C-alpha atoms as a PDB file:
ATOM      1  CA  MET A   1     102.344 106.781 104.281  1.00  0.00           C
ATOM      2  CA  GLU A   2     101.484 109.548 106.947  1.00  0.00           C
ATOM      3  CA  ASN A   3      97.786 109.538 105.087  1.00  0.00           C
ATOM      4  CA  VAL A   4      96.969 106.438 106.724  1.00  0.00           C
ATOM      5  CA  VAL A   5      96.713 105.712 109.921  1.00  0.00           C
ATOM      6  CA  SER A   6      96.159 102.820 112.557  1.00  0.00           C
ATOM      7  CA  ASP A   7      93.379 103.837 114.847  1.00  0.00           C
ATOM      8  CA  MET A   8      94.102 100.406 117.034  1.00  0.00           C
ATOM      9  CA  PRO A   9      97.060  99.322 116.208  1.00  0.00           C
ATOM     10  CA  SER A  10      96.525  95.734 118.249  1.00  0.00           C
ATOM     11  CA  SER A  11      92.618  95.890 116.887  1.00  0.00           C
ATOM     12  CA  ARG A  12      91.944  92.968 114.786  1.00  0.00           C
ATOM     13  CA  GLY A  13      88.527  94.409 113.561  1.00  0.00           C
ATOM     14  CA  PRO A  14      86.954  94.899 110.496  1.00  0.00           C
ATOM     15  CA  ASN A  15      88.694  98.499 110.035  1.00  0.00           C
ATOM     16  CA  PRO A  16      91.489  99.549 112.119  1.00  0.00           C
ATOM     17  CA  PHE A  17      92.537 102.403 109.592  1.00  0.00           C
ATOM     18  CA  THR A  18      91.418 106.018 108.741  1.00  0.00           C
ATOM     19  CA  VAL A  19      92.597 107.769 105.818  1.00  0.00           C
ATOM     20  CA  ASN A  20      93.623 111.620 106.326  1.00  0.00           C
ATOM     21  CA  GLU A  21      90.398 113.790 105.004  1.00  0.00           C
ATOM     22  CA  GLU A  22      92.767 116.278 103.874  1.00  0.00           C
ATOM     23  CA  LEU A  23      94.510 113.341 101.315  1.00  0.00           C
ATOM     24  CA  SER A  24      93.647 114.537  97.425  1.00  0.00           C
ATOM     25  CA  PHE A  25      92.409 112.183  94.947  1.00  0.00           C
ATOM     26  CA  GLU A  26      96.158 112.336  93.347  1.00  0.00           C
ATOM     27  CA  ASP A  27      97.248 111.851  96.222  1.00  0.00           C
ATOM     28  CA  ALA A  28      95.220 109.098  97.081  1.00  0.00           C
ATOM     29  CA  TRP A  29      95.917 107.340  93.856  1.00  0.00           C
ATOM     30  CA  VAL A  30      99.860 107.419  94.465  1.00  0.00           C
ATOM     31  CA  ARG A  31      99.295 105.751  98.101  1.00  0.00           C
ATOM     32  CA  VAL A  32      96.746 103.194  96.725  1.00  0.00           C
ATOM     33  CA  ALA A  33      99.845 102.475  94.159  1.00  0.00           C
ATOM     34  CA  GLU A  34     102.425 102.227  96.821  1.00  0.00           C
ATOM     35  CA  LEU A  35     100.247 100.241  99.233  1.00  0.00           C
ATOM     36  CA  LEU A  36      99.814  97.591  96.258  1.00  0.00           C
ATOM     37  CA  GLN A  37     103.407  97.758  95.272  1.00  0.00           C
ATOM     38  CA  ARG A  38     104.455  96.978  98.918  1.00  0.00           C
ATOM     39  CA  ALA A  39     101.904  93.852  99.077  1.00  0.00           C
ATOM     40  CA  VAL A  40     103.457  92.497  96.022  1.00  0.00           C
ATOM     41  CA  ALA A  41     107.200  92.868  97.238  1.00  0.00           C
ATOM     42  CA  THR A  42     106.097  91.435 100.495  1.00  0.00           C
ATOM     43  CA  SER A  43     104.587  88.215  98.957  1.00  0.00           C
ATOM     44  CA  GLN A  44     107.986  88.089  96.821  1.00  0.00           C
ATOM     45  CA  VAL A  45     110.112  88.382  99.873  1.00  0.00           C
ATOM     46  CA  LEU A  46     108.539  85.530 101.850  1.00  0.00           C
ATOM     47  CA  GLY A  47     109.622  83.342  99.417  1.00  0.00           C
ATOM     48  CA  GLU A  48     106.963  80.520 100.521  1.00  0.00           C
ATOM     49  CA  PRO A  49     105.230  78.460  97.799  1.00  0.00           C
ATOM     50  CA  LEU A  50     102.031  80.257  97.359  1.00  0.00           C
ATOM     51  CA  GLY A  51      98.945  77.912  97.261  1.00  0.00           C
ATOM     52  CA  ALA A  52      96.426  78.489  94.674  1.00  0.00           C
ATOM     53  CA  PRO A  53      94.052  80.946  96.774  1.00  0.00           C
ATOM     54  CA  GLN A  54      97.122  82.893  97.466  1.00  0.00           C
ATOM     55  CA  ARG A  55      98.203  83.003  94.107  1.00  0.00           C
ATOM     56  CA  ALA A  56      94.727  84.254  92.763  1.00  0.00           C
ATOM     57  CA  VAL A  57      95.165  86.657  95.185  1.00  0.00           C
ATOM     58  CA  MET A  58      98.442  88.201  94.067  1.00  0.00           C
ATOM     59  CA  HIS A  59      97.320  87.905  90.400  1.00  0.00           C
ATOM     60  CA  LEU A  60      94.576  90.251  91.550  1.00  0.00           C
ATOM     61  CA  VAL A  61      96.632  92.591  93.594  1.00  0.00           C
ATOM     62  CA  GLU A  62      99.261  92.851  90.775  1.00  0.00           C
ATOM     63  CA  MET A  63      96.494  93.601  88.320  1.00  0.00           C
ATOM     64  CA  ALA A  64      94.974  95.953  90.397  1.00  0.00           C
ATOM     65  CA  LYS A  65      98.422  97.492  90.897  1.00  0.00           C
ATOM     66  CA  MET A  66      98.612  97.604  87.042  1.00  0.00           C
ATOM     67  CA  VAL A  67      95.433  99.926  87.013  1.00  0.00           C
ATOM     68  CA  ALA A  68      96.616 102.152  89.737  1.00  0.00           C
ATOM     69  CA  ASP A  69      99.665 102.802  88.387  1.00  0.00           C
ATOM     70  CA  ARG A  70      98.081 103.929  85.135  1.00  0.00           C
ATOM     71  CA  ALA A  71      95.624 106.078  86.559  1.00  0.00           C
ATOM     72  CA  VAL A  72      98.543 108.122  88.625  1.00  0.00           C
ATOM     73  CA  GLU A  73     100.124 108.363  84.805  1.00  0.00           C
ATOM     74  CA  CYS A  74      96.886 109.788  83.960  1.00  0.00           C
ATOM     75  CA  LEU A  75      97.324 112.128  86.131  1.00  0.00           C
ATOM     76  CA  GLN A  76     100.610 113.370  85.135  1.00  0.00           C
ATOM     77  CA  PRO A  77     100.796 116.553  83.387  1.00  0.00           C
ATOM     78  CA  LYS A  78     101.514 116.126  79.442  1.00  0.00           C
END
């Protein structure tokens, strides 16, 4: 994840991350898909029963991952 780095690791500010300006459109979509996959995996590893708000958020993350995966598929040469 060298393309996304934290400016202030201990900061709780609104946007502590920056994105490498050299990151291509295609690579950005791949990174989005990877980050969403990690979010899904992290929620599954926690193993805690999720409340309704957390389930709703994870549902949105899973839907976003599906869309990101499809976008990455579209970028692949046929």
